[in-house]
Amino acid sequence: QVQLVESGGGLVQAGGSLRLSCAASGRTFSTNAMGWFRQTPGKEREFVAAISWGGGRTYYADSVKGRFTITRDNAKNTVYLQMNSLKPEDTAVYYCASDGAYLSGPSSSPRNYEYWGQGTQVTVSS
C-alpha cells in the first residue's frame, strides 16, 4: 500500500504561482514514476505532468508545457508541481498518483497509476 497526501492548493489570481506537494509513504517511493492529474466537475481526469522513477525524464501535457514543472525529491519521498503563469482554465482538483510498475518511466495514462491521493483544490481567479 502507498499513501499519497497532496498539499499546497489554494486560491490565486491569474498570472500567479502555486507549488503543489505530494508526500508518499508505505512503499519505496524512489522506484516508481509519479504523475499529476487534474479534474473539473463533469469532466474526465486529465493528465498534467509525470516524472520517471529517478527524476531524469519528465512529460507534460501541451496545455501546461512551459508553465508547470514537475520534480521529485526521493530522499523526502515527495513529488512537486511548480505552477507558474496560472490561468483560470487551470482551476481543478489536482491529484498525484504513483505508477504501479517498478522503475517506470513517465506516463500520461491514468491506467498505469496504481495509487492516488485525495486531491487538492486549485482555483485561479481572473
Foldseek 3Di string as FASTA:
>chain_A
DKAKAKDWADEEAAQAKIKMKIAMDDDQLLFWKKFKWWDDPPDDIFGAKIAWSNRPDIDGDPVQPPFWDWGDDSVRRMIMIIGGRDDQVVWTWMKMFTFPDTRDGTDGDPVRTDDIYPTDTHGYHD
